[in-house]
Amino acid sequence: LPRPLWITVYDQSNIGGKTLADWL
């Protein structure tokens, strides 16, 4: 896909910010 490119990320399981960042 063309750049600059953005996506949306959310957390419905409430795993926490650090865990979400690690996963991403």
PDBML (XML) file of the C-alpha atoms, coordinates in Angstrom:
<?xml version="1.0" encoding="UTF-8" ?>
<PDBx:datablock datablockName="MODEL"
   xmlns:PDBx="http://pdbml.pdb.org/schema/pdbx-v50.xsd"
   xmlns:xsi="http://www.w3.org/2001/XMLSchema-instance"
   xsi:schemaLocation="http://pdbml.pdb.org/schema/pdbx-v50.xsd pdbx-v50.xsd">
   <PDBx:atom_siteCategory>
      <PDBx:atom_site id="1">
         <PDBx:B_iso_or_equiv>0.00</PDBx:B_iso_or_equiv>
         <PDBx:Cartn_x>0.000</PDBx:Cartn_x>
         <PDBx:Cartn_y>0.000</PDBx:Cartn_y>
         <PDBx:Cartn_z>0.000</PDBx:Cartn_z>
         <PDBx:auth_asym_id>A</PDBx:auth_asym_id>
         <PDBx:auth_atom_id>CA</PDBx:auth_atom_id>
         <PDBx:auth_comp_id>LEU</PDBx:auth_comp_id>
         <PDBx:auth_seq_id>1</PDBx:auth_seq_id>
         <PDBx:group_PDB>ATOM</PDBx:group_PDB>
         <PDBx:label_alt_id xsi:nil="true" />
         <PDBx:label_asym_id>A</PDBx:label_asym_id>
         <PDBx:label_atom_id>CA</PDBx:label_atom_id>
         <PDBx:label_comp_id>LEU</PDBx:label_comp_id>
         <PDBx:label_entity_id>1</PDBx:label_entity_id>
         <PDBx:label_seq_id>1</PDBx:label_seq_id>
         <PDBx:occupancy>1.00</PDBx:occupancy>
         <PDBx:pdbx_PDB_model_num>1</PDBx:pdbx_PDB_model_num>
         <PDBx:type_symbol>C</PDBx:type_symbol>
      </PDBx:atom_site>
      <PDBx:atom_site id="2">
         <PDBx:B_iso_or_equiv>0.00</PDBx:B_iso_or_equiv>
         <PDBx:Cartn_x>1.069</PDBx:Cartn_x>
         <PDBx:Cartn_y>3.636</PDBx:Cartn_y>
         <PDBx:Cartn_z>-0.548</PDBx:Cartn_z>
         <PDBx:auth_asym_id>A</PDBx:auth_asym_id>
         <PDBx:auth_atom_id>CA</PDBx:auth_atom_id>
         <PDBx:auth_comp_id>PRO</PDBx:auth_comp_id>
         <PDBx:auth_seq_id>2</PDBx:auth_seq_id>
         <PDBx:group_PDB>ATOM</PDBx:group_PDB>
         <PDBx:label_alt_id xsi:nil="true" />
         <PDBx:label_asym_id>A</PDBx:label_asym_id>
         <PDBx:label_atom_id>CA</PDBx:label_atom_id>
         <PDBx:label_comp_id>PRO</PDBx:label_comp_id>
         <PDBx:label_entity_id>1</PDBx:label_entity_id>
         <PDBx:label_seq_id>2</PDBx:label_seq_id>
         <PDBx:occupancy>1.00</PDBx:occupancy>
         <PDBx:pdbx_PDB_model_num>1</PDBx:pdbx_PDB_model_num>
         <PDBx:type_symbol>C</PDBx:type_symbol>
      </PDBx:atom_site>
      <PDBx:atom_site id="3">
         <PDBx:B_iso_or_equiv>0.00</PDBx:B_iso_or_equiv>
         <PDBx:Cartn_x>2.935</PDBx:Cartn_x>
         <PDBx:Cartn_y>5.629</PDBx:Cartn_y>
         <PDBx:Cartn_z>2.073</PDBx:Cartn_z>
         <PDBx:auth_asym_id>A</PDBx:auth_asym_id>
         <PDBx:auth_atom_id>CA</PDBx:auth_atom_id>
         <PDBx:auth_comp_id>ARG</PDBx:auth_comp_id>
         <PDBx:auth_seq_id>3</PDBx:auth_seq_id>
         <PDBx:group_PDB>ATOM</PDBx:group_PDB>
         <PDBx:label_alt_id xsi:nil="true" />
         <PDBx:label_asym_id>A</PDBx:label_asym_id>
         <PDBx:label_atom_id>CA</PDBx:label_atom_id>
         <PDBx:label_comp_id>ARG</PDBx:label_comp_id>
         <PDBx:label_entity_id>1</PDBx:label_entity_id>
         <PDBx:label_seq_id>3</PDBx:label_seq_id>
         <PDBx:occupancy>1.00</PDBx:occupancy>
         <PDBx:pdbx_PDB_model_num>1</PDBx:pdbx_PDB_model_num>
         <PDBx:type_symbol>C</PDBx:type_symbol>
      </PDBx:atom_site>
      <PDBx:atom_site id="4">
         <PDBx:B_iso_or_equiv>0.00</PDBx:B_iso_or_equiv>
         <PDBx:Cartn_x>2.687</PDBx:Cartn_x>
         <PDBx:Cartn_y>7.334</PDBx:Cartn_y>
         <PDBx:Cartn_z>4.488</PDBx:Cartn_z>
         <PDBx:auth_asym_id>A</PDBx:auth_asym_id>
         <PDBx:auth_atom_id>CA</PDBx:auth_atom_id>
         <PDBx:auth_comp_id>PRO</PDBx:auth_comp_id>
         <PDBx:auth_seq_id>4</PDBx:auth_seq_id>
         <PDBx:group_PDB>ATOM</PDBx:group_PDB>
         <PDBx:label_alt_id xsi:nil="true" />
         <PDBx:label_asym_id>A</PDBx:label_asym_id>
         <PDBx:label_atom_id>CA</PDBx:label_atom_id>
         <PDBx:label_comp_id>PRO</PDBx:label_comp_id>
         <PDBx:label_entity_id>1</PDBx:label_entity_id>
         <PDBx:label_seq_id>4</PDBx:label_seq_id>
         <PDBx:occupancy>1.00</PDBx:occupancy>
         <PDBx:pdbx_PDB_model_num>1</PDBx:pdbx_PDB_model_num>
         <PDBx:type_symbol>C</PDBx:type_symbol>
      </PDBx:atom_site>
      <PDBx:atom_site id="5">
         <PDBx:B_iso_or_equiv>0.00</PDBx:B_iso_or_equiv>
         <PDBx:Cartn_x>0.353</PDBx:Cartn_x>
         <PDBx:Cartn_y>4.617</PDBx:Cartn_y>
         <PDBx:Cartn_z>5.813</PDBx:Cartn_z>
         <PDBx:auth_asym_id>A</PDBx:auth_asym_id>
         <PDBx:auth_atom_id>CA</PDBx:auth_atom_id>
         <PDBx:auth_comp_id>LEU</PDBx:auth_comp_id>
         <PDBx:auth_seq_id>5</PDBx:auth_seq_id>
         <PDBx:group_PDB>ATOM</PDBx:group_PDB>
         <PDBx:label_alt_id xsi:nil="true" />
         <PDBx:label_asym_id>A</PDBx:label_asym_id>
         <PDBx:label_atom_id>CA</PDBx:label_atom_id>
         <PDBx:label_comp_id>LEU</PDBx:label_comp_id>
         <PDBx:label_entity_id>1</PDBx:label_entity_id>
         <PDBx:label_seq_id>5</PDBx:label_seq_id>
         <PDBx:occupancy>1.00</PDBx:occupancy>
         <PDBx:pdbx_PDB_model_num>1</PDBx:pdbx_PDB_model_num>
         <PDBx:type_symbol>C</PDBx:type_symbol>
      </PDBx:atom_site>
      <PDBx:atom_site id="6">
         <PDBx:B_iso_or_equiv>0.00</PDBx:B_iso_or_equiv>
         <PDBx:Cartn_x>-1.650</PDBx:Cartn_x>
         <PDBx:Cartn_y>4.287</PDBx:Cartn_y>
         <PDBx:Cartn_z>9.033</PDBx:Cartn_z>
         <PDBx:auth_asym_id>A</PDBx:auth_asym_id>
         <PDBx:auth_atom_id>CA</PDBx:auth_atom_id>
         <PDBx:auth_comp_id>TRP</PDBx:auth_comp_id>
         <PDBx:auth_seq_id>6</PDBx:auth_seq_id>
         <PDBx:group_PDB>ATOM</PDBx:group_PDB>
         <PDBx:label_alt_id xsi:nil="true" />
         <PDBx:label_asym_id>A</PDBx:label_asym_id>
         <PDBx:label_atom_id>CA</PDBx:label_atom_id>
         <PDBx:label_comp_id>TRP</PDBx:label_comp_id>
         <PDBx:label_entity_id>1</PDBx:label_entity_id>
         <PDBx:label_seq_id>6</PDBx:label_seq_id>
         <PDBx:occupancy>1.00</PDBx:occupancy>
         <PDBx:pdbx_PDB_model_num>1</PDBx:pdbx_PDB_model_num>
         <PDBx:type_symbol>C</PDBx:type_symbol>
      </PDBx:atom_site>
      <PDBx:atom_site id="7">
         <PDBx:B_iso_or_equiv>0.00</PDBx:B_iso_or_equiv>
         <PDBx:Cartn_x>-3.762</PDBx:Cartn_x>
         <PDBx:Cartn_y>1.584</PDBx:Cartn_y>
         <PDBx:Cartn_z>10.665</PDBx:Cartn_z>
         <PDBx:auth_asym_id>A</PDBx:auth_asym_id>
         <PDBx:auth_atom_id>CA</PDBx:auth_atom_id>
         <PDBx:auth_comp_id>ILE</PDBx:auth_comp_id>
         <PDBx:auth_seq_id>7</PDBx:auth_seq_id>
         <PDBx:group_PDB>ATOM</PDBx:group_PDB>
         <PDBx:label_alt_id xsi:nil="true" />
         <PDBx:label_asym_id>A</PDBx:label_asym_id>
         <PDBx:label_atom_id>CA</PDBx:label_atom_id>
         <PDBx:label_comp_id>ILE</PDBx:label_comp_id>
         <PDBx:label_entity_id>1</PDBx:label_entity_id>
         <PDBx:label_seq_id>7</PDBx:label_seq_id>
         <PDBx:occupancy>1.00</PDBx:occupancy>
         <PDBx:pdbx_PDB_model_num>1</PDBx:pdbx_PDB_model_num>
         <PDBx:type_symbol>C</PDBx:type_symbol>
      </PDBx:atom_site>
      <PDBx:atom_site id="8">
         <PDBx:B_iso_or_equiv>0.00</PDBx:B_iso_or_equiv>
         <PDBx:Cartn_x>-5.954</PDBx:Cartn_x>
         <PDBx:Cartn_y>1.455</PDBx:Cartn_y>
         <PDBx:Cartn_z>13.764</PDBx:Cartn_z>
         <PDBx:auth_asym_id>A</PDBx:auth_asym_id>
         <PDBx:auth_atom_id>CA</PDBx:auth_atom_id>
         <PDBx:auth_comp_id>THR</PDBx:auth_comp_id>
         <PDBx:auth_seq_id>8</PDBx:auth_seq_id>
         <PDBx:group_PDB>ATOM</PDBx:group_PDB>
         <PDBx:label_alt_id xsi:nil="true" />
         <PDBx:label_asym_id>A</PDBx:label_asym_id>
         <PDBx:label_atom_id>CA</PDBx:label_atom_id>
         <PDBx:label_comp_id>THR</PDBx:label_comp_id>
         <PDBx:label_entity_id>1</PDBx:label_entity_id>
         <PDBx:label_seq_id>8</PDBx:label_seq_id>
         <PDBx:occupancy>1.00</PDBx:occupancy>
         <PDBx:pdbx_PDB_model_num>1</PDBx:pdbx_PDB_model_num>
         <PDBx:type_symbol>C</PDBx:type_symbol>
      </PDBx:atom_site>
      <PDBx:atom_site id="9">
         <PDBx:B_iso_or_equiv>0.00</PDBx:B_iso_or_equiv>
         <PDBx:Cartn_x>-5.066</PDBx:Cartn_x>
         <PDBx:Cartn_y>-0.709</PDBx:Cartn_y>
         <PDBx:Cartn_z>16.732</PDBx:Cartn_z>
         <PDBx:auth_asym_id>A</PDBx:auth_asym_id>
         <PDBx:auth_atom_id>CA</PDBx:auth_atom_id>
         <PDBx:auth_comp_id>VAL</PDBx:auth_comp_id>
         <PDBx:auth_seq_id>9</PDBx:auth_seq_id>
         <PDBx:group_PDB>ATOM</PDBx:group_PDB>
         <PDBx:label_alt_id xsi:nil="true" />
         <PDBx:label_asym_id>A</PDBx:label_asym_id>
         <PDBx:label_atom_id>CA</PDBx:label_atom_id>
         <PDBx:label_comp_id>VAL</PDBx:label_comp_id>
         <PDBx:label_entity_id>1</PDBx:label_entity_id>
         <PDBx:label_seq_id>9</PDBx:label_seq_id>
         <PDBx:occupancy>1.00</PDBx:occupancy>
         <PDBx:pdbx_PDB_model_num>1</PDBx:pdbx_PDB_model_num>
         <PDBx:type_symbol>C</PDBx:type_symbol>
      </PDBx:atom_site>
      <PDBx:atom_site id="10">
         <PDBx:B_iso_or_equiv>0.00</PDBx:B_iso_or_equiv>
         <PDBx:Cartn_x>-7.270</PDBx:Cartn_x>
         <PDBx:Cartn_y>-1.394</PDBx:Cartn_y>
         <PDBx:Cartn_z>19.739</PDBx:Cartn_z>
         <PDBx:auth_asym_id>A</PDBx:auth_asym_id>
         <PDBx:auth_atom_id>CA</PDBx:auth_atom_id>
         <PDBx:auth_comp_id>TYR</PDBx:auth_comp_id>
         <PDBx:auth_seq_id>10</PDBx:auth_seq_id>
         <PDBx:group_PDB>ATOM</PDBx:group_PDB>
         <PDBx:label_alt_id xsi:nil="true" />
         <PDBx:label_asym_id>A</PDBx:label_asym_id>
         <PDBx:label_atom_id>CA</PDBx:label_atom_id>
         <PDBx:label_comp_id>TYR</PDBx:label_comp_id>
         <PDBx:label_entity_id>1</PDBx:label_entity_id>
         <PDBx:label_seq_id>10</PDBx:label_seq_id>
         <PDBx:occupancy>1.00</PDBx:occupancy>
         <PDBx:pdbx_PDB_model_num>1</PDBx:pdbx_PDB_model_num>
         <PDBx:type_symbol>C</PDBx:type_symbol>
      </PDBx:atom_site>
      <PDBx:atom_site id="11">
         <PDBx:B_iso_or_equiv>0.00</PDBx:B_iso_or_equiv>
         <PDBx:Cartn_x>-7.308</PDBx:Cartn_x>
         <PDBx:Cartn_y>-3.718</PDBx:Cartn_y>
         <PDBx:Cartn_z>22.741</PDBx:Cartn_z>
         <PDBx:auth_asym_id>A</PDBx:auth_asym_id>
         <PDBx:auth_atom_id>CA</PDBx:auth_atom_id>
         <PDBx:auth_comp_id>ASP</PDBx:auth_comp_id>
         <PDBx:auth_seq_id>11</PDBx:auth_seq_id>
         <PDBx:group_PDB>ATOM</PDBx:group_PDB>
         <PDBx:label_alt_id xsi:nil="true" />
         <PDBx:label_asym_id>A</PDBx:label_asym_id>
         <PDBx:label_atom_id>CA</PDBx:label_atom_id>
         <PDBx:label_comp_id>ASP</PDBx:label_comp_id>
         <PDBx:label_entity_id>1</PDBx:label_entity_id>
         <PDBx:label_seq_id>11</PDBx:label_seq_id>
         <PDBx:occupancy>1.00</PDBx:occupancy>
         <PDBx:pdbx_PDB_model_num>1</PDBx:pdbx_PDB_model_num>
         <PDBx:type_symbol>C</PDBx:type_symbol>
      </PDBx:atom_site>
      <PDBx:atom_site id="12">
         <PDBx:B_iso_or_equiv>0.00</PDBx:B_iso_or_equiv>
         <PDBx:Cartn_x>-10.605</PDBx:Cartn_x>
         <PDBx:Cartn_y>-5.331</PDBx:Cartn_y>
         <PDBx:Cartn_z>23.686</PDBx:Cartn_z>
         <PDBx:auth_asym_id>A</PDBx:auth_asym_id>
         <PDBx:auth_atom_id>CA</PDBx:auth_atom_id>
         <PDBx:auth_comp_id>GLN</PDBx:auth_comp_id>
         <PDBx:auth_seq_id>12</PDBx:auth_seq_id>
         <PDBx:group_PDB>ATOM</PDBx:group_PDB>
         <PDBx:label_alt_id xsi:nil="true" />
         <PDBx:label_asym_id>A</PDBx:label_asym_id>
         <PDBx:label_atom_id>CA</PDBx:label_atom_id>
         <PDBx:label_comp_id>GLN</PDBx:label_comp_id>
         <PDBx:label_entity_id>1</PDBx:label_entity_id>
         <PDBx:label_seq_id>12</PDBx:label_seq_id>
         <PDBx:occupancy>1.00</PDBx:occupancy>
         <PDBx:pdbx_PDB_model_num>1</PDBx:pdbx_PDB_model_num>
         <PDBx:type_symbol>C</PDBx:type_symbol>
      </PDBx:atom_site>
      <PDBx:atom_site id="13">
         <PDBx:B_iso_or_equiv>0.00</PDBx:B_iso_or_equiv>
         <PDBx:Cartn_x>-8.910</PDBx:Cartn_x>
         <PDBx:Cartn_y>-7.811</PDBx:Cartn_y>
         <PDBx:Cartn_z>26.028</PDBx:Cartn_z>
         <PDBx:auth_asym_id>A</PDBx:auth_asym_id>
         <PDBx:auth_atom_id>CA</PDBx:auth_atom_id>
         <PDBx:auth_comp_id>SER</PDBx:auth_comp_id>
         <PDBx:auth_seq_id>13</PDBx:auth_seq_id>
         <PDBx:group_PDB>ATOM</PDBx:group_PDB>
         <PDBx:label_alt_id xsi:nil="true" />
         <PDBx:label_asym_id>A</PDBx:label_asym_id>
         <PDBx:label_atom_id>CA</PDBx:label_atom_id>
         <PDBx:label_comp_id>SER</PDBx:label_comp_id>
         <PDBx:label_entity_id>1</PDBx:label_entity_id>
         <PDBx:label_seq_id>13</PDBx:label_seq_id>
         <PDBx:occupancy>1.00</PDBx:occupancy>
         <PDBx:pdbx_PDB_model_num>1</PDBx:pdbx_PDB_model_num>
         <PDBx:type_symbol>C</PDBx:type_symbol>
      </PDBx:atom_site>
      <PDBx:atom_site id="14">
         <PDBx:B_iso_or_equiv>0.00</PDBx:B_iso_or_equiv>
         <PDBx:Cartn_x>-7.251</PDBx:Cartn_x>
         <PDBx:Cartn_y>-5.161</PDBx:Cartn_y>
         <PDBx:Cartn_z>28.232</PDBx:Cartn_z>
         <PDBx:auth_asym_id>A</PDBx:auth_asym_id>
         <PDBx:auth_atom_id>CA</PDBx:auth_atom_id>
         <PDBx:auth_comp_id>ASN</PDBx:auth_comp_id>
         <PDBx:auth_seq_id>14</PDBx:auth_seq_id>
         <PDBx:group_PDB>ATOM</PDBx:group_PDB>
         <PDBx:label_alt_id xsi:nil="true" />
         <PDBx:label_asym_id>A</PDBx:label_asym_id>
         <PDBx:label_atom_id>CA</PDBx:label_atom_id>
         <PDBx:label_comp_id>ASN</PDBx:label_comp_id>
         <PDBx:label_entity_id>1</PDBx:label_entity_id>
         <PDBx:label_seq_id>14</PDBx:label_seq_id>
         <PDBx:occupancy>1.00</PDBx:occupancy>
         <PDBx:pdbx_PDB_model_num>1</PDBx:pdbx_PDB_model_num>
         <PDBx:type_symbol>C</PDBx:type_symbol>
      </PDBx:atom_site>
      <PDBx:atom_site id="15">
         <PDBx:B_iso_or_equiv>0.00</PDBx:B_iso_or_equiv>
         <PDBx:Cartn_x>-3.825</PDBx:Cartn_x>
         <PDBx:Cartn_y>-6.771</PDBx:Cartn_y>
         <PDBx:Cartn_z>28.062</PDBx:Cartn_z>
         <PDBx:auth_asym_id>A</PDBx:auth_asym_id>
         <PDBx:auth_atom_id>CA</PDBx:auth_atom_id>
         <PDBx:auth_comp_id>ILE</PDBx:auth_comp_id>
         <PDBx:auth_seq_id>15</PDBx:auth_seq_id>
         <PDBx:group_PDB>ATOM</PDBx:group_PDB>
         <PDBx:label_alt_id xsi:nil="true" />
         <PDBx:label_asym_id>A</PDBx:label_asym_id>
         <PDBx:label_atom_id>CA</PDBx:label_atom_id>
         <PDBx:label_comp_id>ILE</PDBx:label_comp_id>
         <PDBx:label_entity_id>1</PDBx:label_entity_id>
         <PDBx:label_seq_id>15</PDBx:label_seq_id>
         <PDBx:occupancy>1.00</PDBx:occupancy>
         <PDBx:pdbx_PDB_model_num>1</PDBx:pdbx_PDB_model_num>
         <PDBx:type_symbol>C</PDBx:type_symbol>
      </PDBx:atom_site>
      <PDBx:atom_site id="16">
         <PDBx:B_iso_or_equiv>0.00</PDBx:B_iso_or_equiv>
         <PDBx:Cartn_x>-2.147</PDBx:Cartn_x>
         <PDBx:Cartn_y>-3.448</PDBx:Cartn_y>
         <PDBx:Cartn_z>28.827</PDBx:Cartn_z>
         <PDBx:auth_asym_id>A</PDBx:auth_asym_id>
         <PDBx:auth_atom_id>CA</PDBx:auth_atom_id>
         <PDBx:auth_comp_id>GLY</PDBx:auth_comp_id>
         <PDBx:auth_seq_id>16</PDBx:auth_seq_id>
         <PDBx:group_PDB>ATOM</PDBx:group_PDB>
         <PDBx:label_alt_id xsi:nil="true" />
         <PDBx:label_asym_id>A</PDBx:label_asym_id>
         <PDBx:label_atom_id>CA</PDBx:label_atom_id>
         <PDBx:label_comp_id>GLY</PDBx:label_comp_id>
         <PDBx:label_entity_id>1</PDBx:label_entity_id>
         <PDBx:label_seq_id>16</PDBx:label_seq_id>
         <PDBx:occupancy>1.00</PDBx:occupancy>
         <PDBx:pdbx_PDB_model_num>1</PDBx:pdbx_PDB_model_num>
         <PDBx:type_symbol>C</PDBx:type_symbol>
      </PDBx:atom_site>
      <PDBx:atom_site id="17">
         <PDBx:B_iso_or_equiv>0.00</PDBx:B_iso_or_equiv>
         <PDBx:Cartn_x>-0.106</PDBx:Cartn_x>
         <PDBx:Cartn_y>-0.970</PDBx:Cartn_y>
         <PDBx:Cartn_z>26.847</PDBx:Cartn_z>
         <PDBx:auth_asym_id>A</PDBx:auth_asym_id>
         <PDBx:auth_atom_id>CA</PDBx:auth_atom_id>
         <PDBx:auth_comp_id>GLY</PDBx:auth_comp_id>
         <PDBx:auth_seq_id>17</PDBx:auth_seq_id>
         <PDBx:group_PDB>ATOM</PDBx:group_PDB>
         <PDBx:label_alt_id xsi:nil="true" />
         <PDBx:label_asym_id>A</PDBx:label_asym_id>
         <PDBx:label_atom_id>CA</PDBx:label_atom_id>
         <PDBx:label_comp_id>GLY</PDBx:label_comp_id>
         <PDBx:label_entity_id>1</PDBx:label_entity_id>
         <PDBx:label_seq_id>17</PDBx:label_seq_id>
         <PDBx:occupancy>1.00</PDBx:occupancy>
         <PDBx:pdbx_PDB_model_num>1</PDBx:pdbx_PDB_model_num>
         <PDBx:type_symbol>C</PDBx:type_symbol>
      </PDBx:atom_site>
      <PDBx:atom_site id="18">
         <PDBx:B_iso_or_equiv>0.00</PDBx:B_iso_or_equiv>
         <PDBx:Cartn_x>3.287</PDBx:Cartn_x>
         <PDBx:Cartn_y>-2.639</PDBx:Cartn_y>
         <PDBx:Cartn_z>27.137</PDBx:Cartn_z>
         <PDBx:auth_asym_id>A</PDBx:auth_asym_id>
         <PDBx:auth_atom_id>CA</PDBx:auth_atom_id>
         <PDBx:auth_comp_id>LYS</PDBx:auth_comp_id>
         <PDBx:auth_seq_id>18</PDBx:auth_seq_id>
         <PDBx:group_PDB>ATOM</PDBx:group_PDB>
         <PDBx:label_alt_id xsi:nil="true" />
         <PDBx:label_asym_id>A</PDBx:label_asym_id>
         <PDBx:label_atom_id>CA</PDBx:label_atom_id>
         <PDBx:label_comp_id>LYS</PDBx:label_comp_id>
         <PDBx:label_entity_id>1</PDBx:label_entity_id>
         <PDBx:label_seq_id>18</PDBx:label_seq_id>
         <PDBx:occupancy>1.00</PDBx:occupancy>
         <PDBx:pdbx_PDB_model_num>1</PDBx:pdbx_PDB_model_num>
         <PDBx:type_symbol>C</PDBx:type_symbol>
      </PDBx:atom_site>
      <PDBx:atom_site id="19">
         <PDBx:B_iso_or_equiv>0.00</PDBx:B_iso_or_equiv>
         <PDBx:Cartn_x>1.958</PDBx:Cartn_x>
         <PDBx:Cartn_y>-6.045</PDBx:Cartn_y>
         <PDBx:Cartn_z>26.103</PDBx:Cartn_z>
         <PDBx:auth_asym_id>A</PDBx:auth_asym_id>
         <PDBx:auth_atom_id>CA</PDBx:auth_atom_id>
         <PDBx:auth_comp_id>THR</PDBx:auth_comp_id>
         <PDBx:auth_seq_id>19</PDBx:auth_seq_id>
         <PDBx:group_PDB>ATOM</PDBx:group_PDB>
         <PDBx:label_alt_id xsi:nil="true" />
         <PDBx:label_asym_id>A</PDBx:label_asym_id>
         <PDBx:label_atom_id>CA</PDBx:label_atom_id>
         <PDBx:label_comp_id>THR</PDBx:label_comp_id>
         <PDBx:label_entity_id>1</PDBx:label_entity_id>
         <PDBx:label_seq_id>19</PDBx:label_seq_id>
         <PDBx:occupancy>1.00</PDBx:occupancy>
         <PDBx:pdbx_PDB_model_num>1</PDBx:pdbx_PDB_model_num>
         <PDBx:type_symbol>C</PDBx:type_symbol>
      </PDBx:atom_site>
      <PDBx:atom_site id="20">
         <PDBx:B_iso_or_equiv>0.00</PDBx:B_iso_or_equiv>
         <PDBx:Cartn_x>0.109</PDBx:Cartn_x>
         <PDBx:Cartn_y>-4.472</PDBx:Cartn_y>
         <PDBx:Cartn_z>23.195</PDBx:Cartn_z>
         <PDBx:auth_asym_id>A</PDBx:auth_asym_id>
         <PDBx:auth_atom_id>CA</PDBx:auth_atom_id>
         <PDBx:auth_comp_id>LEU</PDBx:auth_comp_id>
         <PDBx:auth_seq_id>20</PDBx:auth_seq_id>
         <PDBx:group_PDB>ATOM</PDBx:group_PDB>
         <PDBx:label_alt_id xsi:nil="true" />
         <PDBx:label_asym_id>A</PDBx:label_asym_id>
         <PDBx:label_atom_id>CA</PDBx:label_atom_id>
         <PDBx:label_comp_id>LEU</PDBx:label_comp_id>
         <PDBx:label_entity_id>1</PDBx:label_entity_id>
         <PDBx:label_seq_id>20</PDBx:label_seq_id>
         <PDBx:occupancy>1.00</PDBx:occupancy>
         <PDBx:pdbx_PDB_model_num>1</PDBx:pdbx_PDB_model_num>
         <PDBx:type_symbol>C</PDBx:type_symbol>
      </PDBx:atom_site>
      <PDBx:atom_site id="21">
         <PDBx:B_iso_or_equiv>0.00</PDBx:B_iso_or_equiv>
         <PDBx:Cartn_x>3.259</PDBx:Cartn_x>
         <PDBx:Cartn_y>-2.659</PDBx:Cartn_y>
         <PDBx:Cartn_z>22.079</PDBx:Cartn_z>
         <PDBx:auth_asym_id>A</PDBx:auth_asym_id>
         <PDBx:auth_atom_id>CA</PDBx:auth_atom_id>
         <PDBx:auth_comp_id>ALA</PDBx:auth_comp_id>
         <PDBx:auth_seq_id>21</PDBx:auth_seq_id>
         <PDBx:group_PDB>ATOM</PDBx:group_PDB>
         <PDBx:label_alt_id xsi:nil="true" />
         <PDBx:label_asym_id>A</PDBx:label_asym_id>
         <PDBx:label_atom_id>CA</PDBx:label_atom_id>
         <PDBx:label_comp_id>ALA</PDBx:label_comp_id>
         <PDBx:label_entity_id>1</PDBx:label_entity_id>
         <PDBx:label_seq_id>21</PDBx:label_seq_id>
         <PDBx:occupancy>1.00</PDBx:occupancy>
         <PDBx:pdbx_PDB_model_num>1</PDBx:pdbx_PDB_model_num>
         <PDBx:type_symbol>C</PDBx:type_symbol>
      </PDBx:atom_site>
      <PDBx:atom_site id="22">
         <PDBx:B_iso_or_equiv>0.00</PDBx:B_iso_or_equiv>
         <PDBx:Cartn_x>5.300</PDBx:Cartn_x>
         <PDBx:Cartn_y>-5.849</PDBx:Cartn_y>
         <PDBx:Cartn_z>22.375</PDBx:Cartn_z>
         <PDBx:auth_asym_id>A</PDBx:auth_asym_id>
         <PDBx:auth_atom_id>CA</PDBx:auth_atom_id>
         <PDBx:auth_comp_id>ASP</PDBx:auth_comp_id>
         <PDBx:auth_seq_id>22</PDBx:auth_seq_id>
         <PDBx:group_PDB>ATOM</PDBx:group_PDB>
         <PDBx:label_alt_id xsi:nil="true" />
         <PDBx:label_asym_id>A</PDBx:label_asym_id>
         <PDBx:label_atom_id>CA</PDBx:label_atom_id>
         <PDBx:label_comp_id>ASP</PDBx:label_comp_id>
         <PDBx:label_entity_id>1</PDBx:label_entity_id>
         <PDBx:label_seq_id>22</PDBx:label_seq_id>
         <PDBx:occupancy>1.00</PDBx:occupancy>
         <PDBx:pdbx_PDB_model_num>1</PDBx:pdbx_PDB_model_num>
         <PDBx:type_symbol>C</PDBx:type_symbol>
      </PDBx:atom_site>
      <PDBx:atom_site id="23">
         <PDBx:B_iso_or_equiv>0.00</PDBx:B_iso_or_equiv>
         <PDBx:Cartn_x>2.752</PDBx:Cartn_x>
         <PDBx:Cartn_y>-7.699</PDBx:Cartn_y>
         <PDBx:Cartn_z>20.218</PDBx:Cartn_z>
         <PDBx:auth_asym_id>A</PDBx:auth_asym_id>
         <PDBx:auth_atom_id>CA</PDBx:auth_atom_id>
         <PDBx:auth_comp_id>TRP</PDBx:auth_comp_id>
         <PDBx:auth_seq_id>23</PDBx:auth_seq_id>
         <PDBx:group_PDB>ATOM</PDBx:group_PDB>
         <PDBx:label_alt_id xsi:nil="true" />
         <PDBx:label_asym_id>A</PDBx:label_asym_id>
         <PDBx:label_atom_id>CA</PDBx:label_atom_id>
         <PDBx:label_comp_id>TRP</PDBx:label_comp_id>
         <PDBx:label_entity_id>1</PDBx:label_entity_id>
         <PDBx:label_seq_id>23</PDBx:label_seq_id>
         <PDBx:occupancy>1.00</PDBx:occupancy>
         <PDBx:pdbx_PDB_model_num>1</PDBx:pdbx_PDB_model_num>
         <PDBx:type_symbol>C</PDBx:type_symbol>
      </PDBx:atom_site>
      <PDBx:atom_site id="24">
         <PDBx:B_iso_or_equiv>0.00</PDBx:B_iso_or_equiv>
         <PDBx:Cartn_x>2.700</PDBx:Cartn_x>
         <PDBx:Cartn_y>-4.989</PDBx:Cartn_y>
         <PDBx:Cartn_z>17.565</PDBx:Cartn_z>
         <PDBx:auth_asym_id>A</PDBx:auth_asym_id>
         <PDBx:auth_atom_id>CA</PDBx:auth_atom_id>
         <PDBx:auth_comp_id>LEU</PDBx:auth_comp_id>
         <PDBx:auth_seq_id>24</PDBx:auth_seq_id>
         <PDBx:group_PDB>ATOM</PDBx:group_PDB>
         <PDBx:label_alt_id xsi:nil="true" />
         <PDBx:label_asym_id>A</PDBx:label_asym_id>
         <PDBx:label_atom_id>CA</PDBx:label_atom_id>
         <PDBx:label_comp_id>LEU</PDBx:label_comp_id>
         <PDBx:label_entity_id>1</PDBx:label_entity_id>
         <PDBx:label_seq_id>24</PDBx:label_seq_id>
         <PDBx:occupancy>1.00</PDBx:occupancy>
         <PDBx:pdbx_PDB_model_num>1</PDBx:pdbx_PDB_model_num>
         <PDBx:type_symbol>C</PDBx:type_symbol>
      </PDBx:atom_site>
   </PDBx:atom_siteCategory>
</PDBx:datablock>
